[in-house]
PDB file of N, CA and C in Angstrom:
ATOM      1  N   ALA A   1       1.382  -1.209   0.393  1.00  0.00           N
ATOM      2  CA  ALA A   1       0.673  -0.354  -0.024  1.00  0.00           C
ATOM      3  C   ALA A   1       0.752   1.938   0.208  1.00  0.00           C
ATOM      4  N   ILE A   2       0.615   2.318  -0.714  1.00  0.00           N
ATOM      5  CA  ILE A   2       1.049   3.510  -0.239  1.00  0.00           C
ATOM      6  C   ILE A   2       1.598   4.505   0.092  1.00  0.00           C
ATOM      7  N   ILE A   3      -0.273   4.720   0.642  1.00  0.00           N
ATOM      8  CA  ILE A   3      -0.038   4.767   1.847  1.00  0.00           C
ATOM      9  C   ILE A   3      -1.717   4.366   2.987  1.00  0.00           C
ATOM     10  N   GLY A   4      -1.718   4.534   4.258  1.00  0.00           N
ATOM     11  CA  GLY A   4      -2.394   3.839   5.257  1.00  0.00           C
ATOM     12  C   GLY A   4      -4.202   4.581   4.475  1.00  0.00           C
ATOM     13  N   ALA A   5      -5.070   4.116   5.748  1.00  0.00           N
ATOM     14  CA  ALA A   5      -6.732   4.605   5.992  1.00  0.00           C
ATOM     15  C   ALA A   5      -5.644   5.853   6.167  1.00  0.00           C
ATOM     16  N   GLU A   6      -5.057   5.881   7.433  1.00  0.00           N
ATOM     17  CA  GLU A   6      -5.088   6.598   8.807  1.00  0.00           C
ATOM     18  C   GLU A   6      -4.710   8.355   7.989  1.00  0.00           C
ATOM     19  N   ALA A   7      -3.698   7.918   6.500  1.00  0.00           N
ATOM     20  CA  ALA A   7      -2.918   8.736   6.191  1.00  0.00           C
ATOM     21  C   ALA A   7      -4.412   9.651   5.516  1.00  0.00           C
ATOM     22  N   LEU A   8      -4.702   8.795   4.844  1.00  0.00           N
ATOM     23  CA  LEU A   8      -5.834   9.177   3.925  1.00  0.00           C
ATOM     24  C   LEU A   8      -6.785  10.002   4.305  1.00  0.00           C
ATOM     25  N   GLY A   9      -7.169   9.538   5.664  1.00  0.00           N
ATOM     26  CA  GLY A   9      -8.335  10.037   6.657  1.00  0.00           C
ATOM     27  C   GLY A   9      -7.925  11.703   6.996  1.00  0.00           C
ATOM     28  N   GLY A  10      -6.412  11.296   7.490  1.00  0.00           N
ATOM     29  CA  GLY A  10      -6.088  13.004   7.726  1.00  0.00           C
ATOM     30  C   GLY A  10      -6.026  13.697   6.797  1.00  0.00           C
ATOM     31  N   LEU A  11      -5.684  13.448   5.791  1.00  0.00           N
ATOM     32  CA  LEU A  11      -5.700  14.343   4.111  1.00  0.00           C
ATOM     33  C   LEU A  11      -6.938  15.433   4.236  1.00  0.00           C
ATOM     34  N   LEU A  12      -7.979  14.375   4.127  1.00  0.00           N
ATOM     35  CA  LEU A  12      -9.304  14.992   3.600  1.00  0.00           C
ATOM     36  C   LEU A  12      -9.699  15.737   5.579  1.00  0.00           C
ATOM     37  N   VAL A  13      -9.181  15.401   6.538  1.00  0.00           N
ATOM     38  CA  VAL A  13      -9.852  16.138   7.776  1.00  0.00           C
ATOM     39  C   VAL A  13      -9.430  17.005   7.423  1.00  0.00           C
ATOM     40  N   GLY A  14      -8.194  17.506   7.306  1.00  0.00           N
ATOM     41  CA  GLY A  14      -7.216  18.250   7.235  1.00  0.00           C
ATOM     42  C   GLY A  14      -7.771  19.508   5.968  1.00  0.00           C
ATOM     43  N   SER A  15      -8.187  19.294   4.930  1.00  0.00           N
ATOM     44  CA  SER A  15      -8.162  19.502   3.918  1.00  0.00           C
ATOM     45  C   SER A  15      -9.616  19.836   3.505  1.00  0.00           C
ATOM     46  N   ILE A  16     -10.419  19.423   4.185  1.00  0.00           N
ATOM     47  CA  ILE A  16     -12.037  19.687   4.458  1.00  0.00           C
ATOM     48  C   ILE A  16     -11.568  21.180   5.718  1.00  0.00           C
ATOM     49  N   ALA A  17     -11.261  20.862   6.745  1.00  0.00           N
ATOM     50  CA  ALA A  17     -11.024  22.471   7.757  1.00  0.00           C
ATOM     51  C   ALA A  17     -10.242  22.843   7.124  1.00  0.00           C
ATOM     52  N   ALA A  18      -9.224  22.770   5.903  1.00  0.00           N
ATOM     53  CA  ALA A  18      -8.799  24.020   6.065  1.00  0.00           C
ATOM     54  C   ALA A  18      -9.468  24.696   4.641  1.00  0.00           C
ATOM     55  N   GLY A  19      -9.800  23.990   3.977  1.00  0.00           N
ATOM     56  CA  GLY A  19     -10.276  24.449   3.059  1.00  0.00           C
ATOM     57  C   GLY A  19     -11.721  25.230   2.968  1.00  0.00           C
ATOM     58  N   SER A  20     -12.494  24.675   4.339  1.00  0.00           N
ATOM     59  CA  SER A  20     -13.751  25.225   4.438  1.00  0.00           C
ATOM     60  C   SER A  20     -13.866  26.666   5.114  1.00  0.00           C
ATOM     61  N   LEU A  21     -12.456  26.734   5.528  1.00  0.00           N
ATOM     62  CA  LEU A  21     -12.510  28.039   6.303  1.00  0.00           C
ATOM     63  C   LEU A  21     -11.493  28.996   5.649  1.00  0.00           C
ATOM     64  N   LEU A  22     -10.987  28.549   4.963  1.00  0.00           N
ATOM     65  CA  LEU A  22     -10.392  29.298   3.848  1.00  0.00           C
ATOM     66  C   LEU A  22     -11.653  29.792   2.436  1.00  0.00           C
ATOM     67  N   ALA A  23     -12.538  29.251   1.893  1.00  0.00           N
ATOM     68  CA  ALA A  23     -13.865  29.104   1.256  1.00  0.00           C
ATOM     69  C   ALA A  23     -15.066  30.799   2.397  1.00  0.00           C
ATOM     70  N   LEU A  24     -14.817  29.930   3.113  1.00  0.00           N
ATOM     71  CA  LEU A  24     -15.767  31.500   3.977  1.00  0.00           C
ATOM     72  C   LEU A  24     -14.567  32.275   4.442  1.00  0.00           C
ATOM     73  N   MET A  25     -13.929  32.429   4.960  1.00  0.00           N
ATOM     74  CA  MET A  25     -12.806  33.775   4.503  1.00  0.00           C
ATOM     75  C   MET A  25     -13.249  34.589   2.969  1.00  0.00           C
ATOM     76  N   MET A  26     -12.827  33.548   1.917  1.00  0.00           N
ATOM     77  CA  MET A  26     -12.284  34.142   1.245  1.00  0.00           C
ATOM     78  C   MET A  26     -14.500  34.672   0.379  1.00  0.00           C
ATOM     79  N   ALA A  27     -15.266  33.985   0.839  1.00  0.00           N
ATOM     80  CA  ALA A  27     -16.611  34.374   0.337  1.00  0.00           C
ATOM     81  C   ALA A  27     -17.355  35.726   1.106  1.00  0.00           C
ATOM     82  N   ASN A  28     -16.972  35.926   2.997  1.00  0.00           N
ATOM     83  CA  ASN A  28     -16.991  36.984   3.856  1.00  0.00           C
ATOM     84  C   ASN A  28     -16.281  38.422   3.303  1.00  0.00           C
ATOM     85  N   ALA A  29     -15.050  38.066   3.124  1.00  0.00           N
ATOM     86  CA  ALA A  29     -13.893  38.866   2.329  1.00  0.00           C
ATOM     87  C   ALA A  29     -14.025  40.064   1.273  1.00  0.00           C
ATOM     88  N   GLY A  30     -14.592  38.987  -0.010  1.00  0.00           N
ATOM     89  CA  GLY A  30     -15.236  39.207  -1.223  1.00  0.00           C
ATOM     90  C   GLY A  30     -16.291  40.197  -1.131  1.00  0.00           C
ATOM     91  N   GLY A  31     -17.086  39.946  -0.494  1.00  0.00           N
ATOM     92  CA  GLY A  31     -18.456  40.369  -0.437  1.00  0.00           C
ATOM     93  C   GLY A  31     -18.399  42.226   0.962  1.00  0.00           C
ATOM     94  N   ALA A  32     -17.461  42.109   1.502  1.00  0.00           N
ATOM     95  CA  ALA A  32     -16.691  43.452   2.415  1.00  0.00           C
ATOM     96  C   ALA A  32     -16.770  44.472   1.199  1.00  0.00           C
ATOM     97  N   TRP A  33     -15.396  43.702   0.793  1.00  0.00           N
ATOM     98  CA  TRP A  33     -14.944  44.678   0.002  1.00  0.00           C
ATOM     99  C   TRP A  33     -16.334  45.107  -0.973  1.00  0.00           C
ATOM    100  N   ASP A  34     -16.442  44.811  -1.383  1.00  0.00           N
ATOM    101  CA  ASP A  34     -18.044  44.998  -2.428  1.00  0.00           C
ATOM    102  C   ASP A  34     -18.506  45.979  -1.527  1.00  0.00           C
ATOM    103  N   ASN A  35     -18.777  45.691  -0.589  1.00  0.00           N
ATOM    104  CA  ASN A  35     -20.035  46.546   0.398  1.00  0.00           C
ATOM    105  C   ASN A  35     -19.299  47.894   0.546  1.00  0.00           C
ATOM    106  N   ALA A  36     -17.804  47.757   1.052  1.00  0.00           N
ATOM    107  CA  ALA A  36     -17.149  48.970   1.227  1.00  0.00           C
ATOM    108  C   ALA A  36     -17.088  50.097   0.406  1.00  0.00           C
ATOM    109  N   LYS A  37     -17.019  49.956  -1.318  1.00  0.00           N
ATOM    110  CA  LYS A  37     -16.764  50.735  -2.474  1.00  0.00           C
ATOM    111  C   LYS A  37     -18.156  51.012  -2.432  1.00  0.00           C
ATOM    112  N   LYS A  38     -19.508  50.451  -2.531  1.00  0.00           N
ATOM    113  CA  LYS A  38     -21.253  50.959  -2.437  1.00  0.00           C
ATOM    114  C   LYS A  38     -20.898  52.090  -1.205  1.00  0.00           C
ATOM    115  N   TYR A  39     -20.450  51.355   0.024  1.00  0.00           N
ATOM    116  CA  TYR A  39     -20.555  52.445   1.451  1.00  0.00           C
ATOM    117  C   TYR A  39     -19.165  54.085   0.542  1.00  0.00           C
ATOM    118  N   VAL A  40     -18.807  54.086   0.392  1.00  0.00           N
ATOM    119  CA  VAL A  40     -17.872  55.308  -0.025  1.00  0.00           C
ATOM    120  C   VAL A  40     -18.032  55.579  -0.996  1.00  0.00           C
ATOM    121  N   GLU A  41     -18.781  55.006  -1.776  1.00  0.00           N
ATOM    122  CA  GLU A  41     -20.026  55.361  -3.017  1.00  0.00           C
ATOM    123  C   GLU A  41     -20.934  56.303  -2.896  1.00  0.00           C
ATOM    124  N   ALA A  42     -21.819  55.916  -1.122  1.00  0.00           N
ATOM    125  CA  ALA A  42     -22.332  55.963  -1.198  1.00  0.00           C
ATOM    126  C   ALA A  42     -22.551  58.279  -0.491  1.00  0.00           C
ATOM    127  N   GLY A  43     -21.099  58.383  -0.270  1.00  0.00           N
ATOM    128  CA  GLY A  43     -20.835  59.731   0.372  1.00  0.00           C
ATOM    129  C   GLY A  43     -19.821  59.660   1.551  1.00  0.00           C
ATOM    130  N   ALA A  44     -19.903  58.015   1.917  1.00  0.00           N
ATOM    131  CA  ALA A  44     -18.832  58.230   3.467  1.00  0.00           C
ATOM    132  C   ALA A  44     -17.548  58.180   2.674  1.00  0.00           C
ATOM    133  N   LEU A  45     -16.175  58.725   4.099  1.00  0.00           N
ATOM    134  CA  LEU A  45     -15.550  58.665   3.969  1.00  0.00           C
ATOM    135  C   LEU A  45     -15.232  59.832   2.716  1.00  0.00           C
ATOM    136  N   GLY A  46     -15.373  60.698   2.205  1.00  0.00           N
ATOM    137  CA  GLY A  46     -15.007  61.587   0.966  1.00  0.00           C
ATOM    138  C   GLY A  46     -16.330  61.348  -0.564  1.00  0.00           C
ATOM    139  N   GLY A  47     -16.268  60.315  -0.575  1.00  0.00           N
ATOM    140  CA  GLY A  47     -17.374  59.568  -1.723  1.00  0.00           C
ATOM    141  C   GLY A  47     -16.395  59.260  -2.819  1.00  0.00           C
ATOM    142  N   LYS A  48     -17.435  60.041  -3.408  1.00  0.00           N
ATOM    143  CA  LYS A  48     -16.813  59.567  -5.212  1.00  0.00           C
ATOM    144  C   LYS A  48     -15.352  59.718  -5.834  1.00  0.00           C
ATOM    145  N   GLY A  49     -14.253  59.452  -6.510  1.00  0.00           N
ATOM    146  CA  GLY A  49     -12.965  60.536  -6.905  1.00  0.00           C
ATOM    147  C   GLY A  49     -12.483  60.731  -5.514  1.00  0.00           C
ATOM    148  N   SER A  50     -12.528  60.530  -3.734  1.00  0.00           N
ATOM    149  CA  SER A  50     -11.328  60.611  -3.062  1.00  0.00           C
ATOM    150  C   SER A  50     -10.827  59.399  -3.220  1.00  0.00           C
ATOM    151  N   ASP A  51      -9.308  59.276  -2.338  1.00  0.00           N
ATOM    152  CA  ASP A  51      -8.325  58.492  -2.415  1.00  0.00           C
ATOM    153  C   ASP A  51      -9.020  57.211  -1.677  1.00  0.00           C
ATOM    154  N   ALA A  52     -10.075  57.357  -0.956  1.00  0.00           N
ATOM    155  CA  ALA A  52     -10.866  55.802   0.002  1.00  0.00           C
ATOM    156  C   ALA A  52     -11.063  55.567  -1.385  1.00  0.00           C
ATOM    157  N   HIS A  53     -12.066  56.322  -1.873  1.00  0.00           N
ATOM    158  CA  HIS A  53     -12.677  55.691  -3.299  1.00  0.00           C
ATOM    159  C   HIS A  53     -11.588  54.360  -3.916  1.00  0.00           C
ATOM    160  N   LYS A  54     -10.864  55.262  -4.515  1.00  0.00           N
ATOM    161  CA  LYS A  54      -9.470  54.615  -5.875  1.00  0.00           C
ATOM    162  C   LYS A  54      -9.077  53.809  -4.892  1.00  0.00           C
ATOM    163  N   ALA A  55      -9.240  52.797  -3.234  1.00  0.00           N
ATOM    164  CA  ALA A  55      -8.446  52.383  -2.752  1.00  0.00           C
ATOM    165  C   ALA A  55     -10.351  50.961  -3.121  1.00  0.00           C
ATOM    166  N   THR A  56     -10.800  51.439  -2.731  1.00  0.00           N
ATOM    167  CA  THR A  56     -12.074  50.299  -2.889  1.00  0.00           C
ATOM    168  C   THR A  56     -11.976  50.118  -3.771  1.00  0.00           C
ATOM    169  N   ILE A  57     -12.414  50.115  -4.620  1.00  0.00           N
ATOM    170  CA  ILE A  57     -11.900  50.163  -7.135  1.00  0.00           C
ATOM    171  C   ILE A  57     -11.185  48.888  -6.852  1.00  0.00           C
ATOM    172  N   VAL A  58     -10.219  49.609  -5.806  1.00  0.00           N
ATOM    173  CA  VAL A  58      -9.117  47.951  -6.143  1.00  0.00           C
ATOM    174  C   VAL A  58      -9.125  46.891  -5.417  1.00  0.00           C
ATOM    175  N   GLY A  59      -9.982  47.255  -4.058  1.00  0.00           N
ATOM    176  CA  GLY A  59     -10.518  46.364  -2.740  1.00  0.00           C
ATOM    177  C   GLY A  59     -11.611  44.887  -3.624  1.00  0.00           C
ATOM    178  N   ASP A  60     -12.515  45.881  -4.521  1.00  0.00           N
ATOM    179  CA  ASP A  60     -13.456  45.378  -5.446  1.00  0.00           C
ATOM    180  C   ASP A  60     -13.059  44.391  -6.187  1.00  0.00           C
ATOM    181  N   THR A  61     -12.305  44.618  -6.853  1.00  0.00           N
ATOM    182  CA  THR A  61     -11.649  44.662  -7.982  1.00  0.00           C
ATOM    183  C   THR A  61     -10.880  43.686  -7.911  1.00  0.00           C
ATOM    184  N   VAL A  62     -10.451  42.962  -6.106  1.00  0.00           N
ATOM    185  CA  VAL A  62      -9.488  41.172  -5.874  1.00  0.00           C
ATOM    186  C   VAL A  62     -11.014  40.688  -4.870  1.00  0.00           C
ATOM    187  N   GLY A  63     -11.624  41.998  -4.412  1.00  0.00           N
ATOM    188  CA  GLY A  63     -12.849  40.966  -3.878  1.00  0.00           C
ATOM    189  C   GLY A  63     -14.667  40.109  -4.641  1.00  0.00           C
ATOM    190  N   ASP A  64     -14.201  40.969  -6.056  1.00  0.00           N
ATOM    191  CA  ASP A  64     -15.229  39.681  -6.659  1.00  0.00           C
ATOM    192  C   ASP A  64     -14.528  38.741  -7.388  1.00  0.00           C
ATOM    193  N   PRO A  65     -13.466  37.562  -7.939  1.00  0.00           N
ATOM    194  CA  PRO A  65     -13.420  36.966  -7.586  1.00  0.00           C
ATOM    195  C   PRO A  65     -13.553  36.028  -6.598  1.00  0.00           C
ATOM    196  N   PHE A  66     -12.917  36.548  -5.569  1.00  0.00           N
ATOM    197  CA  PHE A  66     -13.276  35.747  -3.975  1.00  0.00           C
ATOM    198  C   PHE A  66     -13.895  35.761  -4.021  1.00  0.00           C
ATOM    199  N   LYS A  67     -15.583  36.842  -3.950  1.00  0.00           N
ATOM    200  CA  LYS A  67     -16.723  36.202  -3.525  1.00  0.00           C
ATOM    201  C   LYS A  67     -17.401  35.450  -4.911  1.00  0.00           C
ATOM    202  N   ASP A  68     -17.546  35.514  -6.302  1.00  0.00           N
ATOM    203  CA  ASP A  68     -17.972  34.999  -7.475  1.00  0.00           C
ATOM    204  C   ASP A  68     -17.378  34.067  -7.288  1.00  0.00           C
ATOM    205  N   THR A  69     -16.119  33.148  -7.639  1.00  0.00           N
ATOM    206  CA  THR A  69     -15.675  31.976  -8.192  1.00  0.00           C
ATOM    207  C   THR A  69     -14.480  31.479  -6.985  1.00  0.00           C
ATOM    208  N   SER A  70     -13.451  31.593  -5.967  1.00  0.00           N
ATOM    209  CA  SER A  70     -12.889  31.518  -5.417  1.00  0.00           C
ATOM    210  C   SER A  70     -13.715  30.580  -4.745  1.00  0.00           C
ATOM    211  N   GLY A  71     -14.035  30.686  -3.666  1.00  0.00           N
ATOM    212  CA  GLY A  71     -14.805  31.093  -2.466  1.00  0.00           C
ATOM    213  C   GLY A  71     -16.053  30.182  -2.707  1.00  0.00           C
ATOM    214  N   PRO A  72     -16.731  29.696  -3.486  1.00  0.00           N
ATOM    215  CA  PRO A  72     -17.364  28.810  -4.829  1.00  0.00           C
ATOM    216  C   PRO A  72     -16.820  27.195  -5.048  1.00  0.00           C
ATOM    217  N   SER A  73     -15.748  27.379  -5.310  1.00  0.00           N
ATOM    218  CA  SER A  73     -15.481  26.603  -6.517  1.00  0.00           C
ATOM    219  C   SER A  73     -14.499  25.845  -4.570  1.00  0.00           C
ATOM    220  N   MET A  74     -13.901  26.188  -4.360  1.00  0.00           N
ATOM    221  CA  MET A  74     -13.212  25.934  -3.133  1.00  0.00           C
ATOM    222  C   MET A  74     -14.282  24.299  -2.434  1.00  0.00           C
ATOM    223  N   ASN A  75     -15.582  25.150  -1.868  1.00  0.00           N
ATOM    224  CA  ASN A  75     -16.109  24.114  -1.641  1.00  0.00           C
ATOM    225  C   ASN A  75     -16.574  22.778  -2.825  1.00  0.00           C
ATOM    226  N   ILE A  76     -16.546  22.826  -4.156  1.00  0.00           N
ATOM    227  CA  ILE A  76     -16.398  21.916  -4.757  1.00  0.00           C
ATOM    228  C   ILE A  76     -15.591  21.194  -4.531  1.00  0.00           C
ATOM    229  N   LEU A  77     -14.000  21.323  -4.639  1.00  0.00           N
ATOM    230  CA  LEU A  77     -13.450  21.070  -4.585  1.00  0.00           C
ATOM    231  C   LEU A  77     -13.144  20.016  -3.089  1.00  0.00           C
ATOM    232  N   LEU A  78     -13.190  20.996  -2.409  1.00  0.00           N
ATOM    233  CA  LEU A  78     -13.442  19.551  -1.628  1.00  0.00           C
ATOM    234  C   LEU A  78     -14.006  18.306  -1.323  1.00  0.00           C
ATOM    235  N   LYS A  79     -15.572  18.915  -1.598  1.00  0.00           N
ATOM    236  CA  LYS A  79     -16.405  17.603  -2.127  1.00  0.00           C
ATOM    237  C   LYS A  79     -15.229  16.437  -2.904  1.00  0.00           C
ATOM    238  N   LEU A  80     -14.793  17.312  -4.364  1.00  0.00           N
ATOM    239  CA  LEU A  80     -14.069  16.460  -5.308  1.00  0.00           C
ATOM    240  C   LEU A  80     -13.383  15.289  -4.728  1.00  0.00           C
ATOM    241  N   MET A  81     -12.566  16.066  -3.621  1.00  0.00           N
ATOM    242  CA  MET A  81     -11.702  15.263  -2.924  1.00  0.00           C
ATOM    243  C   MET A  81     -12.334  13.490  -2.197  1.00  0.00           C
ATOM    244  N   ALA A  82     -13.060  14.218  -1.764  1.00  0.00           N
ATOM    245  CA  ALA A  82     -13.868  12.535  -1.027  1.00  0.00           C
ATOM    246  C   ALA A  82     -14.802  12.024  -1.664  1.00  0.00           C
ATOM    247  N   ILE A  83     -15.311  12.515  -2.593  1.00  0.00           N
ATOM    248  CA  ILE A  83     -15.459  11.039  -4.039  1.00  0.00           C
ATOM    249  C   ILE A  83     -14.565  10.711  -4.318  1.00  0.00           C
ATOM    250  N   VAL A  84     -13.158  11.437  -4.730  1.00  0.00           N
ATOM    251  CA  VAL A  84     -12.400  10.483  -5.476  1.00  0.00           C
ATOM    252  C   VAL A  84     -11.383   9.695  -4.480  1.00  0.00           C
ATOM    253  N   ALA A  85     -11.279  10.075  -3.246  1.00  0.00           N
ATOM    254  CA  ALA A  85     -11.234   8.505  -2.389  1.00  0.00           C
ATOM    255  C   ALA A  85     -11.709   7.779  -1.823  1.00  0.00           C
ATOM    256  N   VAL A  86     -13.076   8.068  -2.141  1.00  0.00           N
ATOM    257  CA  VAL A  86     -13.945   7.072  -1.447  1.00  0.00           C
ATOM    258  C   VAL A  86     -14.142   6.510  -3.056  1.00  0.00           C
ATOM    259  N   VAL A  87     -14.002   6.960  -4.324  1.00  0.00           N
ATOM    260  CA  VAL A  87     -13.786   5.499  -4.959  1.00  0.00           C
ATOM    261  C   VAL A  87     -12.091   5.090  -5.479  1.00  0.00           C
ATOM    262  N   PHE A  88     -11.639   5.643  -5.581  1.00  0.00           N
ATOM    263  CA  PHE A  88     -10.138   4.876  -5.570  1.00  0.00           C
ATOM    264  C   PHE A  88      -9.087   5.038  -4.082  1.00  0.00           C
ATOM    265  N   GLY A  89      -9.813   4.223  -3.419  1.00  0.00           N
ATOM    266  CA  GLY A  89      -9.086   4.532  -2.100  1.00  0.00           C
ATOM    267  C   GLY A  89      -9.105   3.140  -2.291  1.00  0.00           C
ATOM    268  N   PRO A  90     -10.064   1.789  -2.542  1.00  0.00           N
ATOM    269  CA  PRO A  90      -9.792   0.606  -2.898  1.00  0.00           C
ATOM    270  C   PRO A  90      -8.730   0.130  -3.424  1.00  0.00           C
ATOM    271  N   LEU A  91      -8.550   1.391  -4.630  1.00  0.00           N
ATOM    272  CA  LEU A  91      -7.135   0.334  -5.806  1.00  0.00           C
ATOM    273  C   LEU A  91      -5.743   0.974  -4.508  1.00  0.00           C
ATOM    274  N   PHE A  92      -5.499   1.167  -3.873  1.00  0.00           N
ATOM    275  CA  PHE A  92      -4.227   1.961  -3.559  1.00  0.00           C
ATOM    276  C   PHE A  92      -3.904   1.847  -1.328  1.00  0.00           C
ATOM    277  N   LEU A  93      -5.316   1.029  -0.445  1.00  0.00           N
ATOM    278  CA  LEU A  93      -4.962   0.746   0.030  1.00  0.00           C
ATOM    279  C   LEU A  93      -5.291  -0.249   0.778  1.00  0.00           C
TER     280      LEU A  93
END
């Protein structure tokens, strides 16, 4: 056997724990950066054209992929890892 069942279980538990927290962080951070831009555009912290607005545009540019693609795709990756382990586990254990 290449790896044991304990090693495979440890890999899955570790990746699910770390990946779930990372996906949650990415989704929340992306939403927060998007809402920060809307808050500044509503007139807070100098409004449109201010340095704060320029900074929130950069934050929103980074946050959109976090919120829309990276966070949700992390959940799909975690599910895929578990399914592959179940399907191919008997071949390697």
